[in-house]
Amino acid sequence: MVRLPLTSEEVERGQRLGALLRRARGGRSMLETALEAHVSPETLRKIESGRVATPAFPTIAAIAEVLGLSLDAVWSEINRPERGAGPAGAGHTTRERLAS
């Protein structure tokens, strides 16, 4: 299966997701968080650094649960419009995706 290149919007959402997870993790170690969420520390590191811009939904759900984040809060944060940007969704014809 061939993956299409990520759009700039998907990359930006991935970066916002990573920042949100890092903030929510606070002083907790990445290893502790990853093990409790049943994901590899490498996966969590890649998500937090924005290298995995469209992680699988079950992965995000597990991490969010461990960090005490609601999925609604995660979705709102990663899809908020940037300052100075046009209306949310302007120019988008395809559904936004959280996971691939």
N, C-alpha and C. Protein backbone atom coordinates (compact mmCIF):
# COMPACT_ATOMS: atom_id res chain seq x y z
N MET A 1 0.83 -1.17 0.00
CA MET A 1 0.00 0.00 0.00
C MET A 1 0.89 1.25 0.00
N VAL A 2 0.56 2.18 -0.84
CA VAL A 2 1.32 3.41 -0.95
C VAL A 2 0.65 4.48 -0.09
N ARG A 3 1.45 5.12 0.77
CA ARG A 3 0.94 6.23 1.59
C ARG A 3 1.11 7.52 0.84
N LEU A 4 0.07 8.33 0.83
CA LEU A 4 0.16 9.64 0.23
C LEU A 4 0.96 10.56 1.15
N PRO A 5 1.67 11.52 0.57
CA PRO A 5 2.42 12.45 1.42
C PRO A 5 1.45 13.23 2.31
N LEU A 6 1.91 13.58 3.49
CA LEU A 6 1.08 14.34 4.42
C LEU A 6 0.94 15.77 3.93
N THR A 7 -0.23 16.33 4.16
CA THR A 7 -0.45 17.73 3.84
C THR A 7 0.17 18.58 4.95
N SER A 8 0.36 19.85 4.68
CA SER A 8 0.91 20.74 5.71
C SER A 8 -0.03 20.81 6.91
N GLU A 9 -1.34 20.72 6.67
CA GLU A 9 -2.31 20.73 7.76
C GLU A 9 -2.16 19.50 8.64
N GLU A 10 -1.93 18.33 8.04
CA GLU A 10 -1.73 17.11 8.81
C GLU A 10 -0.45 17.18 9.64
N VAL A 11 0.58 17.73 9.07
CA VAL A 11 1.84 17.89 9.80
C VAL A 11 1.64 18.82 10.99
N GLU A 12 0.95 19.94 10.78
CA GLU A 12 0.69 20.89 11.86
C GLU A 12 -0.16 20.25 12.96
N ARG A 13 -1.17 19.48 12.58
CA ARG A 13 -1.99 18.78 13.58
C ARG A 13 -1.14 17.80 14.38
N GLY A 14 -0.24 17.09 13.71
CA GLY A 14 0.65 16.17 14.40
C GLY A 14 1.55 16.89 15.39
N GLN A 15 2.02 18.06 15.03
CA GLN A 15 2.86 18.85 15.94
C GLN A 15 2.05 19.34 17.13
N ARG A 16 0.80 19.77 16.90
CA ARG A 16 -0.06 20.20 18.01
C ARG A 16 -0.37 19.03 18.93
N LEU A 17 -0.61 17.84 18.35
CA LEU A 17 -0.88 16.65 19.16
C LEU A 17 0.33 16.34 20.04
N GLY A 18 1.52 16.35 19.45
CA GLY A 18 2.72 16.07 20.22
C GLY A 18 2.91 17.05 21.37
N ALA A 19 2.69 18.32 21.10
CA ALA A 19 2.83 19.35 22.14
C ALA A 19 1.81 19.13 23.25
N LEU A 20 0.58 18.79 22.88
CA LEU A 20 -0.47 18.53 23.87
C LEU A 20 -0.09 17.35 24.76
N LEU A 21 0.39 16.28 24.18
CA LEU A 21 0.75 15.10 24.96
C LEU A 21 1.94 15.39 25.88
N ARG A 22 2.92 16.15 25.39
CA ARG A 22 4.07 16.51 26.24
C ARG A 22 3.61 17.34 27.43
N ARG A 23 2.73 18.33 27.19
CA ARG A 23 2.22 19.16 28.28
C ARG A 23 1.44 18.32 29.28
N ALA A 24 0.59 17.43 28.78
CA ALA A 24 -0.24 16.60 29.65
C ALA A 24 0.61 15.62 30.46
N ARG A 25 1.69 15.16 29.88
CA ARG A 25 2.57 14.21 30.57
C ARG A 25 3.30 14.89 31.72
N GLY A 26 3.58 16.18 31.58
CA GLY A 26 4.23 16.93 32.65
C GLY A 26 5.54 16.30 33.07
N GLY A 27 5.70 16.06 34.37
CA GLY A 27 6.93 15.49 34.90
C GLY A 27 7.00 13.98 34.84
N ARG A 28 5.94 13.38 34.35
CA ARG A 28 5.91 11.92 34.24
C ARG A 28 6.89 11.47 33.16
N SER A 29 7.55 10.36 33.37
CA SER A 29 8.51 9.90 32.37
C SER A 29 7.79 9.36 31.13
N MET A 30 8.49 9.49 30.01
CA MET A 30 7.96 8.96 28.76
C MET A 30 7.83 7.44 28.86
N LEU A 31 8.81 6.78 29.47
CA LEU A 31 8.79 5.33 29.61
C LEU A 31 7.58 4.88 30.42
N GLU A 32 7.36 5.51 31.57
CA GLU A 32 6.22 5.15 32.42
C GLU A 32 4.90 5.33 31.67
N THR A 33 4.77 6.47 30.99
CA THR A 33 3.53 6.76 30.25
C THR A 33 3.30 5.75 29.15
N ALA A 34 4.35 5.47 28.38
CA ALA A 34 4.23 4.53 27.26
C ALA A 34 3.85 3.14 27.74
N LEU A 35 4.53 2.66 28.78
CA LEU A 35 4.25 1.32 29.28
C LEU A 35 2.83 1.22 29.83
N GLU A 36 2.38 2.25 30.53
CA GLU A 36 1.02 2.22 31.06
C GLU A 36 -0.02 2.24 29.94
N ALA A 37 0.30 2.91 28.82
CA ALA A 37 -0.62 2.98 27.68
C ALA A 37 -0.47 1.77 26.75
N HIS A 38 0.48 0.90 27.04
CA HIS A 38 0.74 -0.29 26.22
C HIS A 38 1.17 0.08 24.80
N VAL A 39 2.01 1.12 24.71
CA VAL A 39 2.65 1.47 23.45
C VAL A 39 4.15 1.51 23.71
N SER A 40 4.93 1.41 22.67
CA SER A 40 6.38 1.44 22.87
C SER A 40 6.82 2.87 23.18
N PRO A 41 7.87 3.01 23.98
CA PRO A 41 8.40 4.35 24.24
C PRO A 41 8.81 5.06 22.94
N GLU A 42 9.31 4.30 21.98
CA GLU A 42 9.69 4.87 20.69
C GLU A 42 8.48 5.45 19.96
N THR A 43 7.35 4.76 20.02
CA THR A 43 6.12 5.27 19.40
C THR A 43 5.69 6.57 20.06
N LEU A 44 5.69 6.60 21.38
CA LEU A 44 5.31 7.82 22.09
C LEU A 44 6.28 8.96 21.75
N ARG A 45 7.57 8.65 21.71
CA ARG A 45 8.57 9.67 21.37
C ARG A 45 8.32 10.25 19.98
N LYS A 46 8.02 9.39 19.01
CA LYS A 46 7.76 9.85 17.65
C LYS A 46 6.49 10.69 17.58
N ILE A 47 5.46 10.30 18.31
CA ILE A 47 4.22 11.08 18.31
C ILE A 47 4.47 12.44 18.95
N GLU A 48 5.14 12.45 20.10
CA GLU A 48 5.39 13.71 20.80
C GLU A 48 6.29 14.64 20.00
N SER A 49 7.17 14.10 19.20
CA SER A 49 8.07 14.93 18.40
C SER A 49 7.44 15.35 17.08
N GLY A 50 6.25 14.82 16.77
CA GLY A 50 5.57 15.17 15.53
C GLY A 50 6.02 14.35 14.34
N ARG A 51 6.89 13.36 14.57
CA ARG A 51 7.37 12.52 13.46
C ARG A 51 6.29 11.57 12.95
N VAL A 52 5.31 11.25 13.80
CA VAL A 52 4.16 10.46 13.37
C VAL A 52 2.97 11.40 13.46
N ALA A 53 2.64 12.01 12.33
CA ALA A 53 1.60 13.05 12.32
C ALA A 53 0.19 12.49 12.37
N THR A 54 0.02 11.26 11.94
CA THR A 54 -1.32 10.66 11.93
C THR A 54 -1.29 9.29 12.61
N PRO A 55 -1.09 9.29 13.93
CA PRO A 55 -1.04 8.00 14.65
C PRO A 55 -2.40 7.32 14.65
N ALA A 56 -2.38 6.03 14.86
CA ALA A 56 -3.61 5.25 14.89
C ALA A 56 -4.49 5.68 16.06
N PHE A 57 -5.79 5.68 15.83
CA PHE A 57 -6.75 6.11 16.85
C PHE A 57 -6.60 5.34 18.16
N PRO A 58 -6.51 4.00 18.14
CA PRO A 58 -6.37 3.28 19.42
C PRO A 58 -5.13 3.69 20.20
N THR A 59 -4.06 4.05 19.51
CA THR A 59 -2.85 4.50 20.17
C THR A 59 -3.10 5.81 20.90
N ILE A 60 -3.72 6.76 20.22
CA ILE A 60 -4.02 8.05 20.84
C ILE A 60 -5.02 7.89 21.97
N ALA A 61 -6.01 7.03 21.77
CA ALA A 61 -7.01 6.80 22.83
C ALA A 61 -6.35 6.24 24.08
N ALA A 62 -5.41 5.31 23.92
CA ALA A 62 -4.73 4.71 25.07
C ALA A 62 -3.86 5.74 25.79
N ILE A 63 -3.11 6.53 25.03
CA ILE A 63 -2.25 7.55 25.64
C ILE A 63 -3.09 8.61 26.34
N ALA A 64 -4.15 9.05 25.68
CA ALA A 64 -5.03 10.07 26.27
C ALA A 64 -5.63 9.57 27.58
N GLU A 65 -6.05 8.32 27.61
CA GLU A 65 -6.63 7.77 28.84
C GLU A 65 -5.62 7.79 29.98
N VAL A 66 -4.40 7.38 29.70
CA VAL A 66 -3.34 7.36 30.73
C VAL A 66 -3.07 8.77 31.23
N LEU A 67 -3.13 9.75 30.35
CA LEU A 67 -2.83 11.13 30.72
C LEU A 67 -4.04 11.89 31.25
N GLY A 68 -5.20 11.23 31.27
CA GLY A 68 -6.40 11.88 31.79
C GLY A 68 -7.00 12.91 30.84
N LEU A 69 -6.74 12.74 29.53
CA LEU A 69 -7.28 13.64 28.52
C LEU A 69 -8.51 13.03 27.88
N SER A 70 -9.53 13.83 27.69
CA SER A 70 -10.68 13.32 26.94
C SER A 70 -10.35 13.39 25.44
N LEU A 71 -10.93 12.49 24.69
CA LEU A 71 -10.70 12.52 23.24
C LEU A 71 -11.28 13.78 22.62
N ASP A 72 -12.35 14.31 23.22
CA ASP A 72 -12.90 15.58 22.74
C ASP A 72 -11.88 16.70 22.89
N ALA A 73 -11.18 16.73 24.03
CA ALA A 73 -10.16 17.76 24.26
C ALA A 73 -9.01 17.60 23.27
N VAL A 74 -8.60 16.37 23.01
CA VAL A 74 -7.53 16.12 22.06
C VAL A 74 -7.95 16.59 20.68
N TRP A 75 -9.15 16.20 20.26
CA TRP A 75 -9.65 16.58 18.93
C TRP A 75 -9.74 18.09 18.79
N SER A 76 -10.26 18.76 19.81
CA SER A 76 -10.39 20.22 19.77
C SER A 76 -9.03 20.89 19.65
N GLU A 77 -8.07 20.40 20.41
CA GLU A 77 -6.73 21.00 20.40
C GLU A 77 -6.04 20.83 19.06
N ILE A 78 -6.08 19.65 18.51
CA ILE A 78 -5.32 19.43 17.28
C ILE A 78 -6.00 20.03 16.06
N ASN A 79 -7.28 20.35 16.15
CA ASN A 79 -7.99 20.91 15.00
C ASN A 79 -8.32 22.38 15.16
N ARG A 80 -7.76 23.02 16.19
CA ARG A 80 -8.03 24.45 16.35
C ARG A 80 -7.32 25.21 15.23
N PRO A 81 -7.97 26.26 14.74
CA PRO A 81 -7.32 27.04 13.69
C PRO A 81 -6.15 27.83 14.26
N GLU A 82 -5.12 27.99 13.46
CA GLU A 82 -3.97 28.79 13.87
C GLU A 82 -4.36 30.26 13.85
N ARG A 83 -3.71 31.05 14.69
CA ARG A 83 -3.96 32.49 14.69
C ARG A 83 -3.63 33.04 13.33
N GLY A 84 -4.53 33.90 12.85
CA GLY A 84 -4.31 34.52 11.56
C GLY A 84 -4.76 33.66 10.40
N ALA A 85 -5.17 32.44 10.67
CA ALA A 85 -5.64 31.55 9.61
C ALA A 85 -7.09 31.85 9.31
N GLY A 86 -7.54 31.39 8.19
CA GLY A 86 -8.93 31.58 7.80
C GLY A 86 -9.84 30.72 8.64
N PRO A 87 -11.13 30.70 8.31
CA PRO A 87 -12.06 29.87 9.07
C PRO A 87 -11.67 28.41 9.04
N ALA A 88 -11.97 27.72 10.12
CA ALA A 88 -11.64 26.29 10.20
C ALA A 88 -12.26 25.55 9.04
N GLY A 89 -11.45 24.74 8.39
CA GLY A 89 -11.96 23.92 7.30
C GLY A 89 -12.00 24.63 5.96
N ALA A 90 -11.64 25.90 5.92
CA ALA A 90 -11.70 26.64 4.66
C ALA A 90 -10.81 25.98 3.63
N GLY A 91 -11.37 25.71 2.46
CA GLY A 91 -10.60 25.14 1.39
C GLY A 91 -10.39 23.64 1.49
N HIS A 92 -10.92 23.00 2.50
CA HIS A 92 -10.74 21.56 2.65
C HIS A 92 -11.95 20.85 2.04
N THR A 93 -11.67 19.88 1.20
CA THR A 93 -12.76 19.13 0.60
C THR A 93 -12.81 17.69 1.09
N THR A 94 -11.76 17.27 1.78
CA THR A 94 -11.75 15.91 2.29
C THR A 94 -11.89 15.94 3.80
N ARG A 95 -12.36 14.84 4.36
CA ARG A 95 -12.50 14.75 5.82
C ARG A 95 -11.13 14.73 6.45
N GLU A 96 -10.99 15.46 7.56
CA GLU A 96 -9.74 15.43 8.28
C GLU A 96 -9.62 14.09 8.95
N ARG A 97 -8.38 13.63 9.14
CA ARG A 97 -8.21 12.32 9.73
C ARG A 97 -7.28 12.40 10.92
N LEU A 98 -7.63 11.70 11.96
CA LEU A 98 -6.79 11.60 13.14
C LEU A 98 -5.84 10.43 12.99
N ALA A 99 -6.31 9.39 12.34
CA ALA A 99 -5.50 8.18 12.22
C ALA A 99 -5.50 7.69 10.79
N SER A 100 -4.47 6.97 10.45
CA SER A 100 -4.41 6.39 9.12
C SER A 100 -4.64 4.92 9.18
